[in-house]
PDB file of all heavy atoms in Angstrom:
ATOM      1  N   VAL A   1      85.444  92.281  99.705  1.00  0.00           N
ATOM      2  CA  VAL A   1      85.501  92.023 101.203  1.00  0.00           C
ATOM      3  C   VAL A   1      84.735  93.048 101.963  1.00  0.00           C
ATOM      4  O   VAL A   1      83.972  92.705 102.888  1.00  0.00           O
ATOM      5  CB  VAL A   1      87.009  92.051 101.647  1.00  0.00           C
ATOM      6  CG1 VAL A   1      87.057  91.963 103.192  1.00  0.00           C
ATOM      7  CG2 VAL A   1      87.792  90.876 101.041  1.00  0.00           C
ATOM      8  N   PHE A   2      84.901  94.346 101.585  1.00  0.00           N
ATOM      9  CA  PHE A   2      84.295  95.375 102.436  1.00  0.00           C
ATOM     10  C   PHE A   2      82.940  95.844 101.904  1.00  0.00           C
ATOM     11  O   PHE A   2      82.182  96.465 102.694  1.00  0.00           O
ATOM     12  CB  PHE A   2      85.247  96.562 102.498  1.00  0.00           C
ATOM     13  CG  PHE A   2      86.524  96.246 103.207  1.00  0.00           C
ATOM     14  CD1 PHE A   2      87.671  96.100 102.495  1.00  0.00           C
ATOM     15  CD2 PHE A   2      86.579  95.996 104.573  1.00  0.00           C
ATOM     16  CE1 PHE A   2      88.922  95.721 103.166  1.00  0.00           C
ATOM     17  CE2 PHE A   2      87.739  95.649 105.178  1.00  0.00           C
ATOM     18  CZ  PHE A   2      88.930  95.563 104.501  1.00  0.00           C
ATOM     19  N   LEU A   3      82.625  95.621 100.633  1.00  0.00           N
ATOM     20  CA  LEU A   3      81.328  96.032 100.071  1.00  0.00           C
ATOM     21  C   LEU A   3      80.795  94.814  99.260  1.00  0.00           C
ATOM     22  O   LEU A   3      80.614  94.892  98.061  1.00  0.00           O
ATOM     23  CB  LEU A   3      81.473  97.224  99.144  1.00  0.00           C
ATOM     24  CG  LEU A   3      81.877  98.559  99.752  1.00  0.00           C
ATOM     25  CD1 LEU A   3      82.121  99.598  98.724  1.00  0.00           C
ATOM     26  CD2 LEU A   3      80.821  99.026 100.768  1.00  0.00           C
ATOM     27  N   PRO A   4      80.481  93.731 100.012  1.00  0.00           N
ATOM     28  CA  PRO A   4      80.062  92.489  99.281  1.00  0.00           C
ATOM     29  C   PRO A   4      78.735  92.631  98.535  1.00  0.00           C
ATOM     30  O   PRO A   4      78.509  91.843  97.564  1.00  0.00           O
ATOM     31  CB  PRO A   4      79.963  91.465 100.377  1.00  0.00           C
ATOM     32  CG  PRO A   4      79.699  92.278 101.650  1.00  0.00           C
ATOM     33  CD  PRO A   4      80.487  93.535 101.432  1.00  0.00           C
ATOM     34  N   ASP A   5      77.897  93.621  98.882  1.00  0.00           N
ATOM     35  CA  ASP A   5      76.628  93.756  98.206  1.00  0.00           C
ATOM     36  C   ASP A   5      76.747  94.691  96.977  1.00  0.00           C
ATOM     37  O   ASP A   5      75.759  94.849  96.281  1.00  0.00           O
ATOM     38  CB  ASP A   5      75.586  94.385  99.182  1.00  0.00           C
ATOM     39  CG  ASP A   5      75.273  93.416 100.336  1.00  0.00           C
ATOM     40  OD1 ASP A   5      75.426  92.174 100.128  1.00  0.00           O
ATOM     41  OD2 ASP A   5      74.873  93.893 101.419  1.00  0.00           O
ATOM     42  N   ASN A   6      77.900  95.252  96.760  1.00  0.00           N
ATOM     43  CA  ASN A   6      78.077  96.120  95.621  1.00  0.00           C
ATOM     44  C   ASN A   6      78.044  95.278  94.290  1.00  0.00           C
ATOM     45  O   ASN A   6      78.617  94.188  94.239  1.00  0.00           O
ATOM     46  CB  ASN A   6      79.426  96.854  95.666  1.00  0.00           C
ATOM     47  CG  ASN A   6      79.585  97.900  94.599  1.00  0.00           C
ATOM     48  OD1 ASN A   6      79.854  97.597  93.502  1.00  0.00           O
ATOM     49  ND2 ASN A   6      79.437  99.167  94.986  1.00  0.00           N
ATOM     50  N   GLN A   7      77.355  95.788  93.342  1.00  0.00           N
ATOM     51  CA  GLN A   7      77.062  94.978  92.106  1.00  0.00           C
ATOM     52  C   GLN A   7      78.040  95.224  90.987  1.00  0.00           C
ATOM     53  O   GLN A   7      77.971  94.587  89.939  1.00  0.00           O
ATOM     54  CB  GLN A   7      75.639  95.280  91.625  1.00  0.00           C
ATOM     55  CG  GLN A   7      74.552  94.901  92.584  1.00  0.00           C
ATOM     56  CD  GLN A   7      74.514  93.407  92.892  1.00  0.00           C
ATOM     57  OE1 GLN A   7      74.446  92.602  91.988  1.00  0.00           O
ATOM     58  NE2 GLN A   7      74.685  93.046  94.150  1.00  0.00           N
ATOM     59  N   ILE A   8      79.036  96.118  91.168  1.00  0.00           N
ATOM     60  CA  ILE A   8      79.824  96.539  90.035  1.00  0.00           C
ATOM     61  C   ILE A   8      80.775  95.361  89.591  1.00  0.00           C
ATOM     62  O   ILE A   8      81.018  95.183  88.382  1.00  0.00           O
ATOM     63  CB  ILE A   8      80.723  97.749  90.412  1.00  0.00           C
ATOM     64  CG1 ILE A   8      81.278  98.341  89.095  1.00  0.00           C
ATOM     65  CG2 ILE A   8      81.796  97.396  91.437  1.00  0.00           C
ATOM     66  CD1 ILE A   8      81.865  99.680  89.372  1.00  0.00           C
ATOM     67  N   LEU A   9      81.187  94.501  90.503  1.00  0.00           N
ATOM     68  CA  LEU A   9      82.053  93.340  90.108  1.00  0.00           C
ATOM     69  C   LEU A   9      81.236  92.306  89.316  1.00  0.00           C
ATOM     70  O   LEU A   9      81.745  91.827  88.256  1.00  0.00           O
ATOM     71  CB  LEU A   9      82.635  92.651  91.331  1.00  0.00           C
ATOM     72  CG  LEU A   9      83.725  93.471  92.065  1.00  0.00           C
ATOM     73  CD1 LEU A   9      84.188  92.728  93.280  1.00  0.00           C
ATOM     74  CD2 LEU A   9      84.892  93.791  91.157  1.00  0.00           C
ATOM     75  N   SER A  10      80.069  92.028  89.744  1.00  0.00           N
ATOM     76  CA  SER A  10      79.240  91.088  88.984  1.00  0.00           C
ATOM     77  C   SER A  10      78.864  91.674  87.603  1.00  0.00           C
ATOM     78  O   SER A  10      78.756  90.944  86.588  1.00  0.00           O
ATOM     79  CB  SER A  10      77.939  90.712  89.743  1.00  0.00           C
ATOM     80  OG  SER A  10      77.182  91.841  90.031  1.00  0.00           O
ATOM     81  N   LEU A  11      78.579  92.998  87.566  1.00  0.00           N
ATOM     82  CA  LEU A  11      78.235  93.661  86.310  1.00  0.00           C
ATOM     83  C   LEU A  11      79.418  93.575  85.342  1.00  0.00           C
ATOM     84  O   LEU A  11      79.305  93.236  84.175  1.00  0.00           O
ATOM     85  CB  LEU A  11      77.875  95.154  86.620  1.00  0.00           C
ATOM     86  CG  LEU A  11      77.734  96.028  85.330  1.00  0.00           C
ATOM     87  CD1 LEU A  11      76.592  95.561  84.474  1.00  0.00           C
ATOM     88  CD2 LEU A  11      77.624  97.493  85.722  1.00  0.00           C
ATOM     89  N   MET A  12      80.572  93.865  85.856  1.00  0.00           N
ATOM     90  CA  MET A  12      81.814  93.822  85.009  1.00  0.00           C
ATOM     91  C   MET A  12      82.061  92.410  84.518  1.00  0.00           C
ATOM     92  O   MET A  12      82.340  92.188  83.333  1.00  0.00           O
ATOM     93  CB  MET A  12      83.038  94.357  85.840  1.00  0.00           C
ATOM     94  CG  MET A  12      84.329  94.345  85.058  1.00  0.00           C
ATOM     95  SD  MET A  12      85.738  94.981  86.070  1.00  0.00           S
ATOM     96  CE  MET A  12      85.919  93.708  87.227  1.00  0.00           C
ATOM     97  N   SER A  13      81.928  91.425  85.424  1.00  0.00           N
ATOM     98  CA  SER A  13      82.155  90.102  85.032  1.00  0.00           C
ATOM     99  C   SER A  13      81.238  89.591  83.908  1.00  0.00           C
ATOM    100  O   SER A  13      81.579  89.010  82.871  1.00  0.00           O
ATOM    101  CB  SER A  13      82.060  89.127  86.219  1.00  0.00           C
ATOM    102  OG  SER A  13      82.205  87.790  85.808  1.00  0.00           O
ATOM    103  N   SER A  14      79.926  89.917  84.084  1.00  0.00           N
ATOM    104  CA  SER A  14      78.884  89.512  83.111  1.00  0.00           C
ATOM    105  C   SER A  14      79.122  90.237  81.767  1.00  0.00           C
ATOM    106  O   SER A  14      78.963  89.618  80.676  1.00  0.00           O
ATOM    107  CB  SER A  14      77.517  89.822  83.583  1.00  0.00           C
ATOM    108  OG  SER A  14      77.319  91.223  83.833  1.00  0.00           O
ATOM    109  N   GLN A  15      79.550  91.482  81.790  1.00  0.00           N
ATOM    110  CA  GLN A  15      79.830  92.213  80.539  1.00  0.00           C
ATOM    111  C   GLN A  15      81.000  91.619  79.776  1.00  0.00           C
ATOM    112  O   GLN A  15      80.959  91.424  78.593  1.00  0.00           O
ATOM    113  CB  GLN A  15      80.095  93.685  80.865  1.00  0.00           C
ATOM    114  CG  GLN A  15      78.866  94.486  81.267  1.00  0.00           C
ATOM    115  CD  GLN A  15      79.156  95.980  81.468  1.00  0.00           C
ATOM    116  OE1 GLN A  15      78.285  96.800  81.483  1.00  0.00           O
ATOM    117  NE2 GLN A  15      80.438  96.308  81.690  1.00  0.00           N
ATOM    118  N   LEU A  16      82.055  91.322  80.501  1.00  0.00           N
ATOM    119  CA  LEU A  16      83.265  90.731  79.908  1.00  0.00           C
ATOM    120  C   LEU A  16      83.005  89.378  79.357  1.00  0.00           C
ATOM    121  O   LEU A  16      83.504  89.009  78.243  1.00  0.00           O
ATOM    122  CB  LEU A  16      84.414  90.688  80.886  1.00  0.00           C
ATOM    123  CG  LEU A  16      84.922  92.050  81.445  1.00  0.00           C
ATOM    124  CD1 LEU A  16      86.077  91.806  82.488  1.00  0.00           C
ATOM    125  CD2 LEU A  16      85.352  92.979  80.311  1.00  0.00           C
ATOM    126  N   ARG A  17      82.187  88.582  80.074  1.00  0.00           N
ATOM    127  CA  ARG A  17      81.915  87.250  79.550  1.00  0.00           C
ATOM    128  C   ARG A  17      81.012  87.246  78.326  1.00  0.00           C
ATOM    129  O   ARG A  17      81.166  86.572  77.313  1.00  0.00           O
ATOM    130  CB  ARG A  17      81.203  86.387  80.708  1.00  0.00           C
ATOM    131  CG  ARG A  17      82.113  86.084  81.821  1.00  0.00           C
ATOM    132  CD  ARG A  17      81.370  85.241  82.900  1.00  0.00           C
ATOM    133  NE  ARG A  17      82.187  85.084  84.089  1.00  0.00           N
ATOM    134  CZ  ARG A  17      83.234  84.282  84.155  1.00  0.00           C
ATOM    135  NH1 ARG A  17      83.546  83.435  83.124  1.00  0.00           N
ATOM    136  NH2 ARG A  17      83.926  84.175  85.304  1.00  0.00           N
ATOM    137  N   SER A  18      80.049  88.183  78.322  1.00  0.00           N
ATOM    138  CA  SER A  18      79.192  88.274  77.150  1.00  0.00           C
ATOM    139  C   SER A  18      79.920  88.812  75.924  1.00  0.00           C
ATOM    140  O   SER A  18      79.605  88.392  74.774  1.00  0.00           O
ATOM    141  CB  SER A  18      78.029  89.256  77.474  1.00  0.00           C
ATOM    142  OG  SER A  18      78.492  90.539  77.713  1.00  0.00           O
ATOM    143  N   ALA A  19      80.972  89.576  76.143  1.00  0.00           N
ATOM    144  CA  ALA A  19      81.806  90.071  75.050  1.00  0.00           C
ATOM    145  C   ALA A  19      82.864  89.046  74.638  1.00  0.00           C
ATOM    146  O   ALA A  19      83.601  89.312  73.752  1.00  0.00           O
ATOM    147  CB  ALA A  19      82.420  91.399  75.389  1.00  0.00           C
ATOM    148  N   GLU A  20      82.981  87.990  75.458  1.00  0.00           N
ATOM    149  CA  GLU A  20      83.954  86.944  75.228  1.00  0.00           C
ATOM    150  C   GLU A  20      85.402  87.481  75.355  1.00  0.00           C
ATOM    151  O   GLU A  20      86.347  87.092  74.583  1.00  0.00           O
ATOM    152  CB  GLU A  20      83.756  86.240  73.882  1.00  0.00           C
ATOM    153  CG  GLU A  20      82.471  85.552  73.760  1.00  0.00           C
ATOM    154  CD  GLU A  20      82.346  84.745  72.493  1.00  0.00           C
ATOM    155  OE1 GLU A  20      83.228  84.923  71.578  1.00  0.00           O
ATOM    156  OE2 GLU A  20      81.395  83.928  72.342  1.00  0.00           O
ATOM    157  N   ILE A  21      85.636  88.403  76.345  1.00  0.00           N
ATOM    158  CA  ILE A  21      86.970  88.944  76.589  1.00  0.00           C
ATOM    159  C   ILE A  21      87.433  88.738  78.015  1.00  0.00           C
ATOM    160  O   ILE A  21      88.428  89.273  78.381  1.00  0.00           O
ATOM    161  CB  ILE A  21      86.989  90.446  76.217  1.00  0.00           C
ATOM    162  CG1 ILE A  21      85.958  91.177  77.050  1.00  0.00           C
ATOM    163  CG2 ILE A  21      86.833  90.648  74.720  1.00  0.00           C
ATOM    164  CD1 ILE A  21      86.015  92.683  76.731  1.00  0.00           C
ATOM    165  N   TYR A  22      86.651  87.894  78.758  1.00  0.00           N
ATOM    166  CA  TYR A  22      87.046  87.713  80.200  1.00  0.00           C
ATOM    167  C   TYR A  22      88.342  86.909  80.227  1.00  0.00           C
ATOM    168  O   TYR A  22      88.502  85.873  79.585  1.00  0.00           O
ATOM    169  CB  TYR A  22      85.916  86.917  80.842  1.00  0.00           C
ATOM    170  CG  TYR A  22      86.118  86.736  82.355  1.00  0.00           C
ATOM    171  CD1 TYR A  22      85.592  87.661  83.226  1.00  0.00           C
ATOM    172  CD2 TYR A  22      86.801  85.660  82.898  1.00  0.00           C
ATOM    173  CE1 TYR A  22      85.772  87.572  84.567  1.00  0.00           C
ATOM    174  CE2 TYR A  22      86.983  85.527  84.235  1.00  0.00           C
ATOM    175  CZ  TYR A  22      86.394  86.469  85.101  1.00  0.00           C
ATOM    176  OH  TYR A  22      86.617  86.348  86.456  1.00  0.00           O
ATOM    177  N   GLY A  23      89.316  87.444  80.966  1.00  0.00           N
ATOM    178  CA  GLY A  23      90.561  86.800  81.083  1.00  0.00           C
ATOM    179  C   GLY A  23      91.623  87.113  80.027  1.00  0.00           C
ATOM    180  O   GLY A  23      92.776  86.625  80.029  1.00  0.00           O
ATOM    181  N   PHE A  24      91.229  87.944  79.047  1.00  0.00           N
ATOM    182  CA  PHE A  24      92.160  88.348  77.976  1.00  0.00           C
ATOM    183  C   PHE A  24      92.613  89.759  78.149  1.00  0.00           C
ATOM    184  O   PHE A  24      91.973  90.619  78.783  1.00  0.00           O
ATOM    185  CB  PHE A  24      91.536  88.188  76.597  1.00  0.00           C
ATOM    186  CG  PHE A  24      91.178  86.815  76.153  1.00  0.00           C
ATOM    187  CD1 PHE A  24      89.882  86.361  76.275  1.00  0.00           C
ATOM    188  CD2 PHE A  24      92.157  85.949  75.707  1.00  0.00           C
ATOM    189  CE1 PHE A  24      89.584  85.047  75.905  1.00  0.00           C
ATOM    190  CE2 PHE A  24      91.873  84.715  75.340  1.00  0.00           C
ATOM    191  CZ  PHE A  24      90.553  84.217  75.459  1.00  0.00           C
ATOM    192  N   PHE A  25      93.883  90.097  77.624  1.00  0.00           N
ATOM    193  CA  PHE A  25      94.372  91.446  77.691  1.00  0.00           C
ATOM    194  C   PHE A  25      93.656  92.280  76.649  1.00  0.00           C
ATOM    195  O   PHE A  25      93.526  91.887  75.518  1.00  0.00           O
ATOM    196  CB  PHE A  25      95.843  91.502  77.442  1.00  0.00           C
ATOM    197  CG  PHE A  25      96.642  90.865  78.570  1.00  0.00           C
ATOM    198  CD1 PHE A  25      97.606  89.906  78.316  1.00  0.00           C
ATOM    199  CD2 PHE A  25      96.539  91.303  79.902  1.00  0.00           C
ATOM    200  CE1 PHE A  25      98.363  89.364  79.364  1.00  0.00           C
ATOM    201  CE2 PHE A  25      97.245  90.766  80.933  1.00  0.00           C
ATOM    202  CZ  PHE A  25      98.187  89.824  80.683  1.00  0.00           C
ATOM    203  N   PRO A  26      93.193  93.473  76.998  1.00  0.00           N
ATOM    204  CA  PRO A  26      92.372  94.344  76.055  1.00  0.00           C
ATOM    205  C   PRO A  26      93.210  95.388  75.334  1.00  0.00           C
ATOM    206  O   PRO A  26      92.563  96.161  74.602  1.00  0.00           O
ATOM    207  CB  PRO A  26      91.338  94.917  76.981  1.00  0.00           C
ATOM    208  CG  PRO A  26      92.094  95.105  78.237  1.00  0.00           C
ATOM    209  CD  PRO A  26      93.174  94.111  78.341  1.00  0.00           C
ATOM    210  N   SER A  27      94.458  95.590  75.670  1.00  0.00           N
ATOM    211  CA  SER A  27      95.279  96.740  75.198  1.00  0.00           C
ATOM    212  C   SER A  27      94.834  97.974  75.914  1.00  0.00           C
ATOM    213  O   SER A  27      93.819  98.061  76.597  1.00  0.00           O
ATOM    214  CB  SER A  27      95.166  96.949  73.673  1.00  0.00           C
ATOM    215  OG  SER A  27      93.984  97.652  73.306  1.00  0.00           O
ATOM    216  N   VAL A  28      95.641  99.012  75.836  1.00  0.00           N
ATOM    217  CA  VAL A  28      95.363 100.245  76.537  1.00  0.00           C
ATOM    218  C   VAL A  28      94.050 100.842  76.070  1.00  0.00           C
ATOM    219  O   VAL A  28      93.261 101.374  76.871  1.00  0.00           O
ATOM    220  CB  VAL A  28      96.523 101.288  76.346  1.00  0.00           C
ATOM    221  CG1 VAL A  28      96.747 101.559  74.913  1.00  0.00           C
ATOM    222  CG2 VAL A  28      96.199 102.591  77.073  1.00  0.00           C
ATOM    223  N   TRP A  29      93.752 100.744  74.771  1.00  0.00           N
ATOM    224  CA  TRP A  29      92.569 101.449  74.254  1.00  0.00           C
ATOM    225  C   TRP A  29      91.268 100.691  74.687  1.00  0.00           C
ATOM    226  O   TRP A  29      90.308 101.330  75.095  1.00  0.00           O
ATOM    227  CB  TRP A  29      92.603 101.456  72.713  1.00  0.00           C
ATOM    228  CG  TRP A  29      93.981 101.753  72.185  1.00  0.00           C
ATOM    229  CD1 TRP A  29      94.736 100.838  71.456  1.00  0.00           C
ATOM    230  CD2 TRP A  29      94.815 102.865  72.372  1.00  0.00           C
ATOM    231  NE1 TRP A  29      95.997 101.350  71.193  1.00  0.00           N
ATOM    232  CE2 TRP A  29      96.020 102.674  71.676  1.00  0.00           C
ATOM    233  CE3 TRP A  29      94.607 104.117  72.969  1.00  0.00           C
ATOM    234  CZ2 TRP A  29      97.030 103.596  71.659  1.00  0.00           C
ATOM    235  CZ3 TRP A  29      95.597 105.042  72.930  1.00  0.00           C
ATOM    236  CH2 TRP A  29      96.794 104.817  72.311  1.00  0.00           C
ATOM    237  N   GLY A  30      91.335  99.330  74.705  1.00  0.00           N
ATOM    238  CA  GLY A  30      90.199  98.597  75.115  1.00  0.00           C
ATOM    239  C   GLY A  30      89.941  98.761  76.657  1.00  0.00           C
ATOM    240  O   GLY A  30      88.811  98.873  77.119  1.00  0.00           O
ATOM    241  N   ALA A  31      91.031  98.746  77.432  1.00  0.00           N
ATOM    242  CA  ALA A  31      90.910  98.885  78.856  1.00  0.00           C
ATOM    243  C   ALA A  31      90.346 100.252  79.274  1.00  0.00           C
ATOM    244  O   ALA A  31      89.498 100.367  80.156  1.00  0.00           O
ATOM    245  CB  ALA A  31      92.264  98.641  79.608  1.00  0.00           C
ATOM    246  N   ALA A  32      90.793 101.251  78.526  1.00  0.00           N
ATOM    247  CA  ALA A  32      90.318 102.627  78.811  1.00  0.00           C
ATOM    248  C   ALA A  32      88.838 102.728  78.533  1.00  0.00           C
ATOM    249  O   ALA A  32      88.049 103.368  79.280  1.00  0.00           O
ATOM    250  CB  ALA A  32      91.043 103.663  77.980  1.00  0.00           C
ATOM    251  N   TYR A  33      88.359 102.073  77.457  1.00  0.00           N
ATOM    252  CA  TYR A  33      86.939 102.097  77.085  1.00  0.00           C
ATOM    253  C   TYR A  33      86.127 101.321  78.128  1.00  0.00           C
ATOM    254  O   TYR A  33      85.043 101.772  78.595  1.00  0.00           O
ATOM    255  CB  TYR A  33      86.684 101.543  75.722  1.00  0.00           C
ATOM    256  CG  TYR A  33      85.259 101.712  75.270  1.00  0.00           C
ATOM    257  CD1 TYR A  33      84.827 102.882  74.649  1.00  0.00           C
ATOM    258  CD2 TYR A  33      84.322 100.661  75.492  1.00  0.00           C
ATOM    259  CE1 TYR A  33      83.464 103.022  74.288  1.00  0.00           C
ATOM    260  CE2 TYR A  33      82.940 100.798  75.119  1.00  0.00           C
ATOM    261  CZ  TYR A  33      82.550 101.997  74.521  1.00  0.00           C
ATOM    262  OH  TYR A  33      81.235 102.175  74.150  1.00  0.00           O
ATOM    263  N   ILE A  34      86.563 100.158  78.557  1.00  0.00           N
ATOM    264  CA  ILE A  34      85.863  99.321  79.550  1.00  0.00           C
ATOM    265  C   ILE A  34      85.689 100.082  80.850  1.00  0.00           C
ATOM    266  O   ILE A  34      84.626 100.066  81.461  1.00  0.00           O
ATOM    267  CB  ILE A  34      86.606  98.005  79.764  1.00  0.00           C
ATOM    268  CG1 ILE A  34      86.495  97.137  78.509  1.00  0.00           C
ATOM    269  CG2 ILE A  34      86.011  97.251  80.934  1.00  0.00           C
ATOM    270  CD1 ILE A  34      87.394  95.896  78.523  1.00  0.00           C
ATOM    271  N   ASP A  35      86.726 100.798  81.213  1.00  0.00           N
ATOM    272  CA  ASP A  35      86.662 101.530  82.529  1.00  0.00           C
ATOM    273  C   ASP A  35      85.885 102.847  82.464  1.00  0.00           C
ATOM    274  O   ASP A  35      85.129 103.148  83.414  1.00  0.00           O
ATOM    275  CB  ASP A  35      88.105 101.779  83.008  1.00  0.00           C
ATOM    276  CG  ASP A  35      88.544 100.772  84.083  1.00  0.00           C
ATOM    277  OD1 ASP A  35      87.679 100.190  84.745  1.00  0.00           O
ATOM    278  OD2 ASP A  35      89.775 100.502  84.179  1.00  0.00           O
ATOM    279  N   PHE A  36      86.042 103.577  81.359  1.00  0.00           N
ATOM    280  CA  PHE A  36      85.547 104.992  81.427  1.00  0.00           C
ATOM    281  C   PHE A  36      84.625 105.292  80.242  1.00  0.00           C
ATOM    282  O   PHE A  36      84.174 106.455  80.158  1.00  0.00           O
ATOM    283  CB  PHE A  36      86.755 105.958  81.421  1.00  0.00           C
ATOM    284  CG  PHE A  36      87.673 105.666  82.541  1.00  0.00           C
ATOM    285  CD1 PHE A  36      88.963 105.165  82.249  1.00  0.00           C
ATOM    286  CD2 PHE A  36      87.308 105.908  83.826  1.00  0.00           C
ATOM    287  CE1 PHE A  36      89.835 104.934  83.304  1.00  0.00           C
ATOM    288  CE2 PHE A  36      88.210 105.686  84.915  1.00  0.00           C
ATOM    289  CZ  PHE A  36      89.494 105.182  84.610  1.00  0.00           C
ATOM    290  N   GLY A  37      84.358 104.337  79.293  1.00  0.00           N
ATOM    291  CA  GLY A  37      83.534 104.719  78.175  1.00  0.00           C
ATOM    292  C   GLY A  37      84.285 105.570  77.146  1.00  0.00           C
ATOM    293  O   GLY A  37      85.500 105.826  77.351  1.00  0.00           O
ATOM    294  N   ALA A  38      83.616 106.014  76.057  1.00  0.00           N
ATOM    295  CA  ALA A  38      84.351 106.679  74.978  1.00  0.00           C
ATOM    296  C   ALA A  38      84.889 108.036  75.463  1.00  0.00           C
ATOM    297  O   ALA A  38      86.137 108.300  75.289  1.00  0.00           O
ATOM    298  CB  ALA A  38      83.418 106.900  73.827  1.00  0.00           C
ATOM    299  N   SER A  39      84.041 108.894  76.051  1.00  0.00           N
ATOM    300  CA  SER A  39      84.578 110.213  76.495  1.00  0.00           C
ATOM    301  C   SER A  39      85.604 110.099  77.579  1.00  0.00           C
ATOM    302  O   SER A  39      86.622 110.764  77.533  1.00  0.00           O
ATOM    303  CB  SER A  39      83.385 111.056  76.946  1.00  0.00           C
ATOM    304  OG  SER A  39      82.399 111.235  75.925  1.00  0.00           O
ATOM    305  N   GLY A  40      85.339 109.252  78.557  1.00  0.00           N
ATOM    306  CA  GLY A  40      86.306 109.061  79.655  1.00  0.00           C
ATOM    307  C   GLY A  40      87.600 108.520  79.157  1.00  0.00           C
ATOM    308  O   GLY A  40      88.689 108.820  79.707  1.00  0.00           O
ATOM    309  N   ALA A  41      87.537 107.589  78.193  1.00  0.00           N
ATOM    310  CA  ALA A  41      88.779 107.055  77.650  1.00  0.00           C
ATOM    311  C   ALA A  41      89.624 108.103  76.974  1.00  0.00           C
ATOM    312  O   ALA A  41      90.883 108.125  77.128  1.00  0.00           O
ATOM    313  CB  ALA A  41      88.417 105.954  76.641  1.00  0.00           C
TER     314      ALA A  41
END
């Protein structure tokens, strides 16, 4: 709503779809990696 030109949502959506995990639960370990990468997780 407030940052419609921001590309992070479309980036996230395309990544999840290409990995065939869009709409599925990823567990804590998968979610941590998706959000923050290996070191951040």
